Amino acid sequence: SVANNLLLANESASEAQVKAVMKQVKLHDLVA
């Protein structure tokens, strides 16, 4: 999944942190 690919960099990251970085790279709306 997209989430698992992101959590590879930081397993302890929260859902909010994952969504925050995806908003920074302008992909949150597409994935959501």
Full PDB file with SEQRES, HELIX, SHEET, SSBOND, CRYST1, ORIGX, SCALE, CONECT and MASTER records, all heavy atoms in Angstrom:
SEQRES   1 A   32  SER VAL ALA ASN ASN LEU LEU LEU ALA ASN GLU SER ALA          
SEQRES   2 A   32  SER GLU ALA GLN VAL LYS ALA VAL MET LYS GLN VAL LYS          
SEQRES   3 A   32  LEU HIS ASP LEU VAL ALA                                      
HELIX    1 AA1 VAL A    2  LEU A    7  1                                   6    
HELIX    2 AA2 GLU A   15  GLN A   24  1                                  10    
HELIX    3 AA3 HIS A   28  VAL A   31  1                                   4    
CRYST1    1.000    1.000    1.000  90.00  90.00  90.00 P 1           1          
ORIGX1      1.000000  0.000000  0.000000        0.00000                         
ORIGX2      0.000000  1.000000  0.000000        0.00000                         
ORIGX3      0.000000  0.000000  1.000000        0.00000                         
SCALE1      1.000000  0.000000  0.000000        0.00000                         
SCALE2      0.000000  1.000000  0.000000        0.00000                         
SCALE3      0.000000  0.000000  1.000000        0.00000                         
ATOM      1  N   SER A   1       0.820  -1.212   0.000  1.00  0.00           N  
ATOM      2  CA  SER A   1       0.000   0.000   0.000  1.00  0.00           C  
ATOM      3  C   SER A   1       0.855   1.264   0.000  1.00  0.00           C  
ATOM      4  O   SER A   1       2.059   1.239   0.305  1.00  0.00           O  
ATOM      5  CB  SER A   1      -0.911   0.008   1.223  1.00  0.00           C  
ATOM      6  OG  SER A   1      -0.135   0.106   2.410  1.00  0.00           O  
ATOM      7  N   VAL A   2       0.226   2.382  -0.347  1.00  0.00           N  
ATOM      8  CA  VAL A   2       0.905   3.678  -0.303  1.00  0.00           C  
ATOM      9  C   VAL A   2       1.395   3.962   1.116  1.00  0.00           C  
ATOM     10  O   VAL A   2       2.528   4.411   1.321  1.00  0.00           O  
ATOM     11  CB  VAL A   2      -0.048   4.799  -0.779  1.00  0.00           C  
ATOM     12  CG1 VAL A   2       0.611   6.170  -0.610  1.00  0.00           C  
ATOM     13  CG2 VAL A   2      -0.467   4.577  -2.221  1.00  0.00           C  
ATOM     14  N   ALA A   3       0.545   3.675   2.094  1.00  0.00           N  
ATOM     15  CA  ALA A   3       0.906   3.940   3.498  1.00  0.00           C  
ATOM     16  C   ALA A   3       2.135   3.142   3.902  1.00  0.00           C  
ATOM     17  O   ALA A   3       3.057   3.680   4.533  1.00  0.00           O  
ATOM     18  CB  ALA A   3      -0.274   3.607   4.411  1.00  0.00           C  
ATOM     19  N   ASN A   4       2.182   1.874   3.544  1.00  0.00           N  
ATOM     20  CA  ASN A   4       3.334   1.044   3.918  1.00  0.00           C  
ATOM     21  C   ASN A   4       4.616   1.518   3.250  1.00  0.00           C  
ATOM     22  O   ASN A   4       5.695   1.473   3.842  1.00  0.00           O  
ATOM     23  CB  ASN A   4       3.074  -0.415   3.552  1.00  0.00           C  
ATOM     24  CG  ASN A   4       2.089  -1.074   4.485  1.00  0.00           C  
ATOM     25  OD1 ASN A   4       1.826  -0.595   5.579  1.00  0.00           O  
ATOM     26  ND2 ASN A   4       1.504  -2.186   4.051  1.00  0.00           N  
ATOM     27  N   ASN A   5       4.517   1.990   2.009  1.00  0.00           N  
ATOM     28  CA  ASN A   5       5.694   2.518   1.327  1.00  0.00           C  
ATOM     29  C   ASN A   5       6.222   3.768   2.015  1.00  0.00           C  
ATOM     30  O   ASN A   5       7.432   3.986   2.068  1.00  0.00           O  
ATOM     31  CB  ASN A   5       5.368   2.824  -0.139  1.00  0.00           C  
ATOM     32  CG  ASN A   5       5.597   1.638  -1.043  1.00  0.00           C  
ATOM     33  OD1 ASN A   5       6.730   1.347  -1.418  1.00  0.00           O  
ATOM     34  ND2 ASN A   5       4.522   0.926  -1.371  1.00  0.00           N  
ATOM     35  N   LEU A   6       5.326   4.569   2.557  1.00  0.00           N  
ATOM     36  CA  LEU A   6       5.753   5.786   3.262  1.00  0.00           C  
ATOM     37  C   LEU A   6       6.321   5.445   4.641  1.00  0.00           C  
ATOM     38  O   LEU A   6       7.345   6.002   5.054  1.00  0.00           O  
ATOM     39  CB  LEU A   6       4.572   6.752   3.395  1.00  0.00           C  
ATOM     40  CG  LEU A   6       4.042   7.333   2.075  1.00  0.00           C  
ATOM     41  CD1 LEU A   6       2.757   8.106   2.319  1.00  0.00           C  
ATOM     42  CD2 LEU A   6       5.081   8.228   1.429  1.00  0.00           C  
ATOM     43  N   LEU A   7       5.668   4.526   5.330  1.00  0.00           N  
ATOM     44  CA  LEU A   7       6.105   4.164   6.680  1.00  0.00           C  
ATOM     45  C   LEU A   7       7.449   3.449   6.693  1.00  0.00           C  
ATOM     46  O   LEU A   7       8.049   3.279   7.753  1.00  0.00           O  
ATOM     47  CB  LEU A   7       5.044   3.290   7.357  1.00  0.00           C  
ATOM     48  CG  LEU A   7       3.737   3.987   7.696  1.00  0.00           C  
ATOM     49  CD1 LEU A   7       2.705   2.988   8.200  1.00  0.00           C  
ATOM     50  CD2 LEU A   7       3.972   5.073   8.747  1.00  0.00           C  
ATOM     51  N   LEU A   8       7.915   3.059   5.514  1.00  0.00           N  
ATOM     52  CA  LEU A   8       9.243   2.458   5.420  1.00  0.00           C  
ATOM     53  C   LEU A   8      10.300   3.420   5.951  1.00  0.00           C  
ATOM     54  O   LEU A   8      11.307   3.008   6.520  1.00  0.00           O  
ATOM     55  CB  LEU A   8       9.536   2.089   3.962  1.00  0.00           C  
ATOM     56  CG  LEU A   8      10.850   1.371   3.684  1.00  0.00           C  
ATOM     57  CD1 LEU A   8      10.815  -0.038   4.283  1.00  0.00           C  
ATOM     58  CD2 LEU A   8      11.099   1.294   2.183  1.00  0.00           C  
ATOM     59  N   ALA A   9      10.069   4.714   5.780  1.00  0.00           N  
ATOM     60  CA  ALA A   9      11.029   5.717   6.237  1.00  0.00           C  
ATOM     61  C   ALA A   9      10.920   5.997   7.727  1.00  0.00           C  
ATOM     62  O   ALA A   9      11.892   6.420   8.366  1.00  0.00           O  
ATOM     63  CB  ALA A   9      10.823   7.026   5.466  1.00  0.00           C  
ATOM     64  N   ASN A  10       9.746   5.763   8.299  1.00  0.00           N  
ATOM     65  CA  ASN A  10       9.538   6.058   9.719  1.00  0.00           C  
ATOM     66  C   ASN A  10       8.354   5.233  10.209  1.00  0.00           C  
ATOM     67  O   ASN A  10       7.201   5.631  10.073  1.00  0.00           O  
ATOM     68  CB  ASN A  10       9.282   7.557   9.919  1.00  0.00           C  
ATOM     69  CG  ASN A  10       9.142   7.933  11.382  1.00  0.00           C  
ATOM     70  OD1 ASN A  10       9.227   7.079  12.271  1.00  0.00           O  
ATOM     71  ND2 ASN A  10       8.927   9.201  11.650  1.00  0.00           N  
ATOM     72  N   GLU A  11       8.656   4.072  10.779  1.00  0.00           N  
ATOM     73  CA  GLU A  11       7.597   3.139  11.184  1.00  0.00           C  
ATOM     74  C   GLU A  11       6.692   3.706  12.268  1.00  0.00           C  
ATOM     75  O   GLU A  11       5.548   3.294  12.401  1.00  0.00           O  
ATOM     76  CB  GLU A  11       8.223   1.831  11.672  1.00  0.00           C  
ATOM     77  CG  GLU A  11       8.944   1.054  10.585  1.00  0.00           C  
ATOM     78  CD  GLU A  11       9.528  -0.246  11.096  1.00  0.00           C  
ATOM     79  OE1 GLU A  11       9.443  -0.492  12.320  1.00  0.00           O  
ATOM     80  OE2 GLU A  11      10.065  -1.021  10.282  1.00  0.00           O  
ATOM     81  N   SER A  12       7.221   4.643  13.058  1.00  0.00           N  
ATOM     82  CA  SER A  12       6.435   5.194  14.166  1.00  0.00           C  
ATOM     83  C   SER A  12       5.619   6.425  13.768  1.00  0.00           C  
ATOM     84  O   SER A  12       4.956   7.026  14.606  1.00  0.00           O  
ATOM     85  CB  SER A  12       7.367   5.553  15.333  1.00  0.00           C  
ATOM     86  OG  SER A  12       8.307   6.539  14.938  1.00  0.00           O  
ATOM     87  N   ALA A  13       5.646   6.802  12.500  1.00  0.00           N  
ATOM     88  CA  ALA A  13       4.919   7.994  12.060  1.00  0.00           C  
ATOM     89  C   ALA A  13       3.409   7.795  12.215  1.00  0.00           C  
ATOM     90  O   ALA A  13       2.886   6.700  11.966  1.00  0.00           O  
ATOM     91  CB  ALA A  13       5.265   8.315  10.621  1.00  0.00           C  
ATOM     92  N   SER A  14       2.735   8.848  12.607  1.00  0.00           N  
ATOM     93  CA  SER A  14       1.282   8.781  12.789  1.00  0.00           C  
ATOM     94  C   SER A  14       0.570   9.003  11.457  1.00  0.00           C  
ATOM     95  O   SER A  14       1.177   9.427  10.466  1.00  0.00           O  
ATOM     96  CB  SER A  14       0.835   9.847  13.783  1.00  0.00           C  
ATOM     97  OG  SER A  14       1.089  11.146  13.264  1.00  0.00           O  
ATOM     98  N   GLU A  15      -0.712   8.725  11.445  1.00  0.00           N  
ATOM     99  CA  GLU A  15      -1.507   8.942  10.231  1.00  0.00           C  
ATOM    100  C   GLU A  15      -1.499  10.411   9.831  1.00  0.00           C  
ATOM    101  O   GLU A  15      -1.428  10.745   8.640  1.00  0.00           O  
ATOM    102  CB  GLU A  15      -2.934   8.454  10.465  1.00  0.00           C  
ATOM    103  CG  GLU A  15      -3.834   8.584   9.245  1.00  0.00           C  
ATOM    104  CD  GLU A  15      -5.246   8.081   9.505  1.00  0.00           C  
ATOM    105  OE1 GLU A  15      -5.461   7.469  10.575  1.00  0.00           O  
ATOM    106  OE2 GLU A  15      -6.125   8.304   8.655  1.00  0.00           O  
ATOM    107  N   ALA A  16      -1.535  11.273  10.824  1.00  0.00           N  
ATOM    108  CA  ALA A  16      -1.518  12.714  10.549  1.00  0.00           C  
ATOM    109  C   ALA A  16      -0.198  13.131   9.894  1.00  0.00           C  
ATOM    110  O   ALA A  16      -0.178  13.959   8.978  1.00  0.00           O  
ATOM    111  CB  ALA A  16      -1.733  13.495  11.847  1.00  0.00           C  
ATOM    112  N   GLN A  17       0.923  12.557  10.363  1.00  0.00           N  
ATOM    113  CA  GLN A  17       2.222  12.886   9.768  1.00  0.00           C  
ATOM    114  C   GLN A  17       2.303  12.405   8.325  1.00  0.00           C  
ATOM    115  O   GLN A  17       2.852  13.095   7.464  1.00  0.00           O  
ATOM    116  CB  GLN A  17       3.342  12.256  10.597  1.00  0.00           C  
ATOM    117  CG  GLN A  17       3.559  12.923  11.949  1.00  0.00           C  
ATOM    118  CD  GLN A  17       4.606  12.177  12.782  1.00  0.00           C  
ATOM    119  OE1 GLN A  17       4.487  10.973  13.007  1.00  0.00           O  
ATOM    120  NE2 GLN A  17       5.613  12.903  13.233  1.00  0.00           N  
ATOM    121  N   VAL A  18       1.770  11.213   8.068  1.00  0.00           N  
ATOM    122  CA  VAL A  18       1.777  10.683   6.707  1.00  0.00           C  
ATOM    123  C   VAL A  18       0.979  11.595   5.782  1.00  0.00           C  
ATOM    124  O   VAL A  18       1.429  11.933   4.672  1.00  0.00           O  
ATOM    125  CB  VAL A  18       1.206   9.249   6.688  1.00  0.00           C  
ATOM    126  CG1 VAL A  18       0.972   8.782   5.253  1.00  0.00           C  
ATOM    127  CG2 VAL A  18       2.140   8.288   7.404  1.00  0.00           C  
ATOM    128  N   LYS A  19      -0.188  12.001   6.211  1.00  0.00           N  
ATOM    129  CA  LYS A  19      -1.017  12.880   5.384  1.00  0.00           C  
ATOM    130  C   LYS A  19      -0.373  14.245   5.198  1.00  0.00           C  
ATOM    131  O   LYS A  19      -0.474  14.857   4.128  1.00  0.00           O  
ATOM    132  CB  LYS A  19      -2.408  13.025   6.005  1.00  0.00           C  
ATOM    133  CG  LYS A  19      -3.234  11.734   5.949  1.00  0.00           C  
ATOM    134  CD  LYS A  19      -4.616  11.935   6.550  1.00  0.00           C  
ATOM    135  CE  LYS A  19      -5.441  10.646   6.436  1.00  0.00           C  
ATOM    136  NZ  LYS A  19      -6.785  10.794   7.034  1.00  0.00           N  
ATOM    137  N   ALA A  20       0.329  14.714   6.226  1.00  0.00           N  
ATOM    138  CA  ALA A  20       0.976  16.033   6.144  1.00  0.00           C  
ATOM    139  C   ALA A  20       2.057  16.049   5.066  1.00  0.00           C  
ATOM    140  O   ALA A  20       2.138  16.995   4.269  1.00  0.00           O  
ATOM    141  CB  ALA A  20       1.562  16.403   7.505  1.00  0.00           C  
ATOM    142  N   VAL A  21       2.897  15.017   5.022  1.00  0.00           N  
ATOM    143  CA  VAL A  21       3.959  15.016   4.007  1.00  0.00           C  
ATOM    144  C   VAL A  21       3.369  14.817   2.615  1.00  0.00           C  
ATOM    145  O   VAL A  21       3.898  15.342   1.627  1.00  0.00           O  
ATOM    146  CB  VAL A  21       5.021  13.936   4.312  1.00  0.00           C  
ATOM    147  CG1 VAL A  21       5.735  14.249   5.617  1.00  0.00           C  
ATOM    148  CG2 VAL A  21       4.431  12.525   4.336  1.00  0.00           C  
ATOM    149  N   MET A  22       2.279  14.070   2.512  1.00  0.00           N  
ATOM    150  CA  MET A  22       1.646  13.896   1.205  1.00  0.00           C  
ATOM    151  C   MET A  22       1.005  15.199   0.725  1.00  0.00           C  
ATOM    152  O   MET A  22       0.948  15.457  -0.485  1.00  0.00           O  
ATOM    153  CB  MET A  22       0.613  12.770   1.271  1.00  0.00           C  
ATOM    154  CG  MET A  22       1.229  11.382   1.391  1.00  0.00           C  
ATOM    155  SD  MET A  22       2.146  10.905  -0.099  1.00  0.00           S  
ATOM    156  CE  MET A  22       0.810  10.330  -1.143  1.00  0.00           C  
ATOM    157  N   LYS A  23       0.547  16.017   1.651  1.00  0.00           N  
ATOM    158  CA  LYS A  23       0.033  17.337   1.269  1.00  0.00           C  
ATOM    159  C   LYS A  23       1.164  18.226   0.789  1.00  0.00           C  
ATOM    160  O   LYS A  23       0.998  19.019  -0.151  1.00  0.00           O  
ATOM    161  CB  LYS A  23      -0.685  17.975   2.458  1.00  0.00           C  
ATOM    162  CG  LYS A  23      -2.035  17.326   2.778  1.00  0.00           C  
ATOM    163  CD  LYS A  23      -2.677  17.967   4.003  1.00  0.00           C  
ATOM    164  CE  LYS A  23      -4.017  17.286   4.324  1.00  0.00           C  
ATOM    165  NZ  LYS A  23      -4.647  17.850   5.555  1.00  0.00           N  
ATOM    166  N   GLN A  24       2.349  18.088   1.424  1.00  0.00           N  
ATOM    167  CA  GLN A  24       3.506  18.870   1.005  1.00  0.00           C  
ATOM    168  C   GLN A  24       3.914  18.561  -0.434  1.00  0.00           C  
ATOM    169  O   GLN A  24       4.321  19.461  -1.176  1.00  0.00           O  
ATOM    170  CB  GLN A  24       4.705  18.608   1.930  1.00  0.00           C  
ATOM    171  CG  GLN A  24       4.635  19.341   3.260  1.00  0.00           C  
ATOM    172  CD  GLN A  24       5.897  19.121   4.072  1.00  0.00           C  
ATOM    173  OE1 GLN A  24       5.979  18.201   4.882  1.00  0.00           O  
ATOM    174  NE2 GLN A  24       6.884  19.961   3.847  1.00  0.00           N  
ATOM    175  N   VAL A  25       3.797  17.297  -0.805  1.00  0.00           N  
ATOM    176  CA  VAL A  25       4.191  16.924  -2.177  1.00  0.00           C  
ATOM    177  C   VAL A  25       2.999  16.941  -3.125  1.00  0.00           C  
ATOM    178  O   VAL A  25       3.101  16.478  -4.265  1.00  0.00           O  
ATOM    179  CB  VAL A  25       4.864  15.529  -2.195  1.00  0.00           C  
ATOM    180  CG1 VAL A  25       6.094  15.525  -1.314  1.00  0.00           C  
ATOM    181  CG2 VAL A  25       3.904  14.424  -1.762  1.00  0.00           C  
ATOM    182  N   LYS A  26       1.852  17.428  -2.646  1.00  0.00           N  
ATOM    183  CA  LYS A  26       0.657  17.649  -3.463  1.00  0.00           C  
ATOM    184  C   LYS A  26       0.088  16.346  -4.046  1.00  0.00           C  
ATOM    185  O   LYS A  26      -0.303  16.286  -5.203  1.00  0.00           O  
ATOM    186  CB  LYS A  26       0.976  18.637  -4.594  1.00  0.00           C  
ATOM    187  CG  LYS A  26       1.490  19.977  -4.103  1.00  0.00           C  
ATOM    188  CD  LYS A  26       1.899  20.874  -5.247  1.00  0.00           C  
ATOM    189  CE  LYS A  26       2.483  22.188  -4.734  1.00  0.00           C  
ATOM    190  NZ  LYS A  26       2.930  23.078  -5.830  1.00  0.00           N  
ATOM    191  N   LEU A  27       0.047  15.321  -3.207  1.00  0.00           N  
ATOM    192  CA  LEU A  27      -0.532  14.047  -3.639  1.00  0.00           C  
ATOM    193  C   LEU A  27      -1.640  13.555  -2.714  1.00  0.00           C  
ATOM    194  O   LEU A  27      -2.248  12.528  -2.987  1.00  0.00           O  
ATOM    195  CB  LEU A  27       0.555  12.958  -3.714  1.00  0.00           C  
ATOM    196  CG  LEU A  27       1.388  12.870  -4.990  1.00  0.00           C  
ATOM    197  CD1 LEU A  27       2.330  11.686  -4.915  1.00  0.00           C  
ATOM    198  CD2 LEU A  27       0.509  12.757  -6.229  1.00  0.00           C  
ATOM    199  N   HIS A  28      -1.897  14.276  -1.645  1.00  0.00           N  
ATOM    200  CA  HIS A  28      -2.897  13.809  -0.681  1.00  0.00           C  
ATOM    201  C   HIS A  28      -4.272  13.667  -1.319  1.00  0.00           C  
ATOM    202  O   HIS A  28      -4.950  12.642  -1.139  1.00  0.00           O  
ATOM    203  CB  HIS A  28      -2.977  14.772   0.502  1.00  0.00           C  
ATOM    204  CG  HIS A  28      -4.132  14.479   1.421  1.00  0.00           C  
ATOM    205  ND1 HIS A  28      -4.171  13.378   2.239  1.00  0.00           N  
ATOM    206  CD2 HIS A  28      -5.317  15.140   1.612  1.00  0.00           C  
ATOM    207  CE1 HIS A  28      -5.310  13.363   2.918  1.00  0.00           C  
ATOM    208  NE2 HIS A  28      -6.020  14.419   2.554  1.00  0.00           N  
ATOM    209  N   ASP A  29      -4.685  14.674  -2.083  1.00  0.00           N  
ATOM    210  CA  ASP A  29      -6.027  14.631  -2.679  1.00  0.00           C  
ATOM    211  C   ASP A  29      -6.154  13.465  -3.648  1.00  0.00           C  
ATOM    212  O   ASP A  29      -7.196  12.786  -3.694  1.00  0.00           O  
ATOM    213  CB  ASP A  29      -6.316  15.952  -3.403  1.00  0.00           C  
ATOM    214  CG  ASP A  29      -6.457  17.117  -2.427  1.00  0.00           C  
ATOM    215  OD1 ASP A  29      -6.708  16.850  -1.235  1.00  0.00           O  
ATOM    216  OD2 ASP A  29      -6.291  18.272  -2.856  1.00  0.00           O  
ATOM    217  N   LEU A  30      -5.099  13.206  -4.427  1.00  0.00           N  
ATOM    218  CA  LEU A  30      -5.146  12.111  -5.385  1.00  0.00           C  
ATOM    219  C   LEU A  30      -5.295  10.763  -4.673  1.00  0.00           C  
ATOM    220  O   LEU A  30      -6.141   9.941  -5.049  1.00  0.00           O  
ATOM    221  CB  LEU A  30      -3.874  12.110  -6.241  1.00  0.00           C  
ATOM    222  CG  LEU A  30      -3.692  10.901  -7.169  1.00  0.00           C  
ATOM    223  CD1 LEU A  30      -4.791  10.884  -8.235  1.00  0.00           C  
ATOM    224  CD2 LEU A  30      -2.311  10.925  -7.833  1.00  0.00           C  
ATOM    225  N   VAL A  31      -4.478  10.538  -3.647  1.00  0.00           N  
ATOM    226  CA  VAL A  31      -4.518   9.259  -2.937  1.00  0.00           C  
ATOM    227  C   VAL A  31      -5.816   9.125  -2.149  1.00  0.00           C  
ATOM    228  O   VAL A  31      -6.434   8.056  -2.129  1.00  0.00           O  
ATOM    229  CB  VAL A  31      -3.298   9.119  -2.007  1.00  0.00           C  
ATOM    230  CG1 VAL A  31      -3.392   7.851  -1.167  1.00  0.00           C  
ATOM    231  CG2 VAL A  31      -2.009   9.111  -2.821  1.00  0.00           C  
ATOM    232  N   ALA A  32      -6.232  10.196  -1.497  1.00  0.00           N  
ATOM    233  CA  ALA A  32      -7.455  10.147  -0.695  1.00  0.00           C  
ATOM    234  C   ALA A  32      -8.688   9.893  -1.550  1.00  0.00           C  
ATOM    235  O   ALA A  32      -9.690   9.348  -1.065  1.00  0.00           O  
ATOM    236  CB  ALA A  32      -7.612  11.456   0.082  1.00  0.00           C  
TER     237      ALA A  32                                                      
MASTER        0    0    0    3    0    0    0    6  236    1    0    3          
END                                                                             
